[in-house]
Amino acid sequence: MNKSGSRQLFWLVIFCVVFCIAGTLCIGMVRSGSIAAAQSSASAASTSAALTGDELLESYRHVEVASVSDALEQLTGRRMYMSHKMQSIFPAKFAGYALTVKLAKDEGNKDPEALSGMLAAIDEGSAKSVWVMVVEDGANIAGMGGLMGTTMSARGYAGAIVDGGVRDVGHLRKIGFPVYATGIVPSTSVRHYRFAGANIPVQCDGVEVQPGDIVTADADGVVVVPRARAAEVLAAAQEMDFKEHSMYSIIEKYKSIREAVKRFGRL
């Protein structure tokens, strides 16, 4: 073989070696990326599982309710969000532990103690509680108003959810106490309703709520997280938040939602 042929063979061998090394490195990087992503996801889940009750609640205050709803649907296959009828009296975001209360219809009753159990339940609530109230057929009945809201605010409640009406909204807005309800009405529950139980399972706007479940709310609505699944739901919701927030810049750069979905697999 002449010198020219030897030189060509030499460079061909070098090229093949470099190509193989580069290919091996690329495969390693892809595998490492996949492993790192899996480890990151596992680490997030592990971190969420290790959080104390207060830390878990604080984390829920910083994750979007829409992501929590999506995470619940993926993990449990259940709808755990309240309907469009459940609206806030002013823009609010909070999370807390459900203190459930139910009022049953009792038209025309003259019992002065008919609602005393409800008042006792308010005074037994603590900081981080969310008042979750179900008023039977209560679309046109105010389940709570300014006096109840002031007490809850003074006791450190995170907020209130009322499957029924709310009144005294001017005062509630003034003190900054967040309430979600199915409507604003001036009526009263006195002599129309009777206390039917506290810290019991209830169906609030079609969603099952157990005492102590995490209730989280923001501008998108209200979601209930079963306490036993709170850590894994949080981890999944945080991952969804991260992906979605990362997608905004990709969409703006490439002017394409398909490009962002291809990169992050989130819609």
Protein backbone atom coordinates (compact mmCIF):
# COMPACT_ATOMS: atom_id res chain seq x y z
CA MET A 1 0.00 0.00 0.00
CA ASN A 2 1.44 3.43 -0.91
CA LYS A 3 1.84 6.30 1.52
CA SER A 4 -1.33 8.03 0.31
CA GLY A 5 -3.40 4.91 0.91
CA SER A 6 -1.88 4.38 4.34
CA ARG A 7 -2.68 7.95 5.29
CA GLN A 8 -6.32 7.59 4.20
CA LEU A 9 -6.66 4.33 6.11
CA PHE A 10 -5.17 5.97 9.21
CA TRP A 11 -7.64 8.84 9.15
CA LEU A 12 -10.52 6.46 8.45
CA VAL A 13 -9.63 4.45 11.55
CA ILE A 14 -9.36 7.65 13.62
CA PHE A 15 -12.76 8.84 12.36
CA CYS A 16 -14.39 5.51 13.25
CA VAL A 17 -12.89 5.54 16.73
CA VAL A 18 -13.99 9.14 17.37
CA PHE A 19 -17.48 8.40 16.01
CA CYS A 20 -17.86 5.37 18.31
CA ILE A 21 -16.67 7.31 21.33
CA ALA A 22 -19.03 10.21 20.55
CA GLY A 23 -21.94 7.82 20.09
CA THR A 24 -21.19 6.12 23.38
CA LEU A 25 -21.01 9.48 25.15
CA CYS A 26 -24.34 10.62 23.66
CA ILE A 27 -26.07 7.42 24.72
CA GLY A 28 -24.59 7.82 28.17
CA MET A 29 -25.79 11.40 28.38
CA VAL A 30 -29.34 10.41 27.35
CA ARG A 31 -29.35 7.58 29.87
CA SER A 32 -27.91 9.84 32.53
CA GLY A 33 -30.57 12.47 31.75
CA SER A 34 -33.32 9.91 32.01
CA ILE A 35 -31.90 8.54 35.23
CA ALA A 36 -31.47 12.06 36.61
CA ALA A 37 -35.07 12.95 35.72
CA ALA A 38 -36.32 9.77 37.36
CA GLN A 39 -34.14 10.39 40.40
CA SER A 40 -35.36 13.99 40.57
CA SER A 41 -39.00 12.85 40.44
CA ALA A 42 -38.35 10.17 43.05
CA SER A 43 -36.49 12.69 45.18
CA ALA A 44 -39.40 15.16 44.96
CA ALA A 45 -41.85 12.45 45.99
CA SER A 46 -39.58 11.39 48.84
CA THR A 47 -39.18 15.00 49.98
CA SER A 48 -42.94 15.58 49.95
CA ALA A 49 -43.52 12.37 51.89
CA ALA A 50 -41.05 13.53 54.55
CA LEU A 51 -42.75 16.90 55.13
CA THR A 52 -44.48 17.59 58.42
CA GLY A 53 -48.14 18.61 58.47
CA ASP A 54 -47.37 22.33 58.57
CA GLU A 55 -44.70 22.04 55.86
CA LEU A 56 -47.06 20.05 53.65
CA LEU A 57 -49.75 22.68 54.03
CA GLU A 58 -47.31 25.50 53.30
CA SER A 59 -46.22 23.71 50.11
CA TYR A 60 -49.84 23.44 48.98
CA ARG A 61 -50.13 27.21 49.32
CA HIS A 62 -47.48 27.58 46.61
CA VAL A 63 -48.76 25.11 44.02
CA GLU A 64 -51.49 25.87 41.49
CA VAL A 65 -54.92 24.40 42.18
CA ALA A 66 -55.25 23.35 38.53
CA SER A 67 -52.10 21.22 38.89
CA VAL A 68 -53.45 19.69 42.11
CA SER A 69 -56.69 18.83 40.30
CA ASP A 70 -54.77 17.21 37.41
CA ALA A 71 -52.55 15.27 39.81
CA LEU A 72 -55.58 13.93 41.70
CA GLU A 73 -57.26 12.83 38.48
CA GLN A 74 -54.11 11.03 37.31
CA LEU A 75 -53.44 9.33 40.65
CA THR A 76 -56.98 8.53 41.79
CA GLY A 77 -59.16 8.73 38.68
CA ARG A 78 -61.59 10.91 40.65
CA ARG A 79 -62.97 14.40 40.19
CA MET A 80 -62.07 16.26 43.38
CA TYR A 81 -62.72 19.83 42.24
CA MET A 82 -65.84 21.87 42.95
CA SER A 83 -67.99 23.26 40.14
CA HIS A 84 -67.96 26.68 38.51
CA LYS A 85 -70.75 27.69 40.89
CA MET A 86 -68.26 27.84 43.78
CA GLN A 87 -66.92 31.40 43.54
CA SER A 88 -64.75 33.57 45.77
CA ILE A 89 -66.05 36.90 47.06
CA PHE A 90 -62.62 38.38 46.21
CA PRO A 91 -59.40 37.03 44.64
CA ALA A 92 -57.84 34.64 47.14
CA LYS A 93 -55.43 31.73 47.44
CA PHE A 94 -55.23 29.48 50.50
CA ALA A 95 -54.89 25.94 51.78
CA GLY A 96 -55.95 24.39 55.07
CA TYR A 97 -57.50 21.44 56.85
CA ALA A 98 -61.22 20.81 56.43
CA LEU A 99 -63.51 21.46 59.38
CA THR A 100 -66.82 20.16 58.06
CA VAL A 101 -70.28 21.35 59.13
CA LYS A 102 -73.78 20.53 57.90
CA LEU A 103 -77.07 22.37 58.28
CA ALA A 104 -80.39 20.59 57.68
CA LYS A 105 -83.66 22.26 56.72
CA ASP A 106 -86.09 22.83 59.57
CA GLU A 107 -88.51 25.51 58.40
CA GLY A 108 -90.24 27.62 61.02
CA ASN A 109 -88.45 26.13 64.03
CA LYS A 110 -88.39 28.33 67.14
CA ASP A 111 -85.67 26.42 68.94
CA PRO A 112 -83.10 28.96 70.21
CA GLU A 113 -80.50 26.17 70.27
CA ALA A 114 -81.10 25.00 66.70
CA LEU A 115 -77.77 26.44 65.50
CA SER A 116 -75.77 26.34 68.75
CA GLY A 117 -73.75 23.36 67.51
CA MET A 118 -72.62 25.41 64.53
CA LEU A 119 -71.41 28.22 66.79
CA ALA A 120 -69.55 25.73 68.99
CA ALA A 121 -67.87 24.27 65.92
CA ILE A 122 -66.63 27.71 64.86
CA ASP A 123 -65.12 28.31 68.30
CA GLU A 124 -63.45 24.89 68.25
CA GLY A 125 -61.70 25.53 64.92
CA SER A 126 -58.03 26.40 64.95
CA ALA A 127 -55.42 28.13 62.84
CA LYS A 128 -55.08 26.53 59.40
CA SER A 129 -58.69 25.30 59.43
CA VAL A 130 -60.94 25.70 56.39
CA TRP A 131 -64.64 25.97 57.21
CA VAL A 132 -66.42 23.57 54.82
CA MET A 133 -70.16 24.12 55.21
CA VAL A 134 -73.01 22.31 53.49
CA VAL A 135 -76.40 24.04 53.64
CA GLU A 136 -79.15 21.66 52.51
CA ASP A 137 -80.94 23.20 49.49
CA GLY A 138 -79.17 26.40 50.44
CA ALA A 139 -78.71 28.23 47.14
CA ASN A 140 -80.79 31.13 48.48
CA ILE A 141 -79.77 30.90 52.13
CA ALA A 142 -76.70 32.59 53.59
CA GLY A 143 -74.82 29.91 55.50
CA MET A 144 -72.45 32.48 56.95
CA GLY A 145 -71.88 36.19 57.19
CA GLY A 146 -69.82 38.86 58.88
CA LEU A 147 -70.04 37.66 62.48
CA MET A 148 -68.98 34.12 61.65
CA GLY A 149 -66.28 35.35 59.26
CA THR A 150 -64.86 37.73 61.87
CA THR A 151 -64.63 34.89 64.39
CA MET A 152 -62.93 32.61 61.88
CA SER A 153 -60.48 35.35 60.93
CA ALA A 154 -59.67 36.03 64.60
CA ARG A 155 -59.01 32.32 65.15
CA GLY A 156 -56.65 32.11 62.16
CA TYR A 157 -58.82 30.09 59.77
CA ALA A 158 -57.36 29.89 56.26
CA GLY A 159 -60.77 30.51 54.67
CA ALA A 160 -64.30 29.17 54.21
CA ILE A 161 -66.11 27.10 51.59
CA VAL A 162 -69.92 27.26 51.68
CA ASP A 163 -72.18 25.04 49.60
CA GLY A 164 -74.86 27.69 49.93
CA GLY A 165 -74.95 31.46 50.14
CA VAL A 166 -72.88 34.10 51.92
CA ARG A 167 -73.81 37.60 53.07
CA ASP A 168 -72.14 40.66 54.66
CA VAL A 169 -69.57 40.46 51.87
CA GLY A 170 -68.64 44.14 52.32
CA HIS A 171 -67.41 43.42 55.84
CA LEU A 172 -65.73 40.14 54.83
CA ARG A 173 -63.85 41.97 52.08
CA LYS A 174 -62.92 44.72 54.53
CA ILE A 175 -61.32 42.27 56.98
CA GLY A 176 -59.85 40.23 54.12
CA PHE A 177 -61.38 36.91 55.07
CA PRO A 178 -61.67 34.67 51.97
CA VAL A 179 -64.97 32.89 51.36
CA TYR A 180 -66.02 30.71 48.44
CA ALA A 181 -69.77 30.21 48.09
CA THR A 182 -72.34 29.33 45.45
CA GLY A 183 -73.91 32.79 45.65
CA ILE A 184 -74.36 36.05 47.52
CA VAL A 185 -77.76 36.44 49.21
CA PRO A 186 -79.09 38.59 52.10
CA SER A 187 -81.10 35.83 53.79
CA THR A 188 -80.60 34.11 57.15
CA SER A 189 -80.51 30.48 58.24
CA VAL A 190 -82.08 31.31 61.62
CA ARG A 191 -85.47 29.57 62.05
CA HIS A 192 -84.99 27.88 58.68
CA TYR A 193 -82.19 25.44 59.54
CA ARG A 194 -80.85 23.22 62.28
CA PHE A 195 -77.29 22.13 63.01
CA ALA A 196 -76.83 18.58 61.70
CA GLY A 197 -73.23 17.78 62.63
CA ALA A 198 -69.59 18.85 62.61
CA ASN A 199 -66.42 17.01 61.66
CA ILE A 200 -68.42 14.48 59.68
CA PRO A 201 -68.07 13.35 56.04
CA VAL A 202 -70.01 15.70 53.73
CA GLN A 203 -70.68 16.19 50.03
CA CYS A 204 -69.77 19.80 49.30
CA ASP A 205 -70.82 20.91 45.82
CA GLY A 206 -70.64 17.29 44.73
CA VAL A 207 -67.20 16.56 46.21
CA GLU A 208 -66.64 14.22 49.14
CA VAL A 209 -64.88 15.96 52.02
CA GLN A 210 -63.59 14.18 55.10
CA PRO A 211 -62.60 16.09 58.26
CA GLY A 212 -58.91 16.93 58.05
CA ASP A 213 -58.65 16.68 54.25
CA ILE A 214 -56.60 19.42 52.62
CA VAL A 215 -58.72 22.05 50.89
CA THR A 216 -56.85 24.32 48.49
CA ALA A 217 -58.31 27.25 46.54
CA ASP A 218 -57.21 29.93 44.13
CA ALA A 219 -58.59 31.87 41.15
CA ASP A 220 -59.25 28.61 39.28
CA GLY A 221 -61.50 27.15 41.98
CA VAL A 222 -61.50 24.72 44.91
CA VAL A 223 -59.97 21.24 45.16
CA VAL A 224 -60.11 18.71 48.00
CA VAL A 225 -57.12 16.42 48.62
CA PRO A 226 -57.68 13.26 50.70
CA ARG A 227 -55.25 13.52 53.62
CA ALA A 228 -53.85 10.03 53.05
CA ARG A 229 -52.79 10.93 49.48
CA ALA A 230 -51.60 14.47 50.22
CA ALA A 231 -47.85 13.86 49.89
CA GLU A 232 -47.93 12.03 46.56
CA VAL A 233 -50.48 14.44 45.10
CA LEU A 234 -48.28 17.37 46.12
CA ALA A 235 -45.20 15.84 44.45
CA ALA A 236 -47.09 15.23 41.21
CA ALA A 237 -48.61 18.73 41.25
CA GLN A 238 -45.22 20.36 41.85
CA GLU A 239 -43.76 18.48 38.88
CA MET A 240 -46.68 19.62 36.70
CA ASP A 241 -46.18 23.22 37.83
CA PHE A 242 -42.47 23.05 36.98
CA LYS A 243 -43.13 21.70 33.48
CA GLU A 244 -45.90 24.16 32.70
CA HIS A 245 -43.96 27.19 33.90
CA SER A 246 -40.92 26.03 31.89
CA MET A 247 -43.06 25.73 28.76
CA TYR A 248 -44.00 29.41 28.62
CA SER A 249 -40.55 30.54 27.51
CA ILE A 250 -40.34 27.75 24.91
CA ILE A 251 -43.71 28.77 23.46
CA GLU A 252 -42.62 32.42 23.30
CA LYS A 253 -39.30 31.49 21.68
CA TYR A 254 -40.60 29.05 19.03
CA LYS A 255 -44.17 30.44 18.81
CA SER A 256 -45.37 26.84 18.97
CA ILE A 257 -47.30 24.97 21.64
CA ARG A 258 -46.54 21.66 19.90
CA GLU A 259 -42.81 22.25 20.39
CA ALA A 260 -43.34 22.86 24.10
CA VAL A 261 -45.55 19.79 24.52
CA LYS A 262 -42.99 17.67 22.66
CA ARG A 263 -40.25 18.80 25.03
CA PHE A 264 -42.14 18.56 28.31
CA GLY A 265 -45.08 16.21 27.68
CA ARG A 266 -47.46 18.51 29.56
CA LEU A 267 -50.73 19.97 28.37
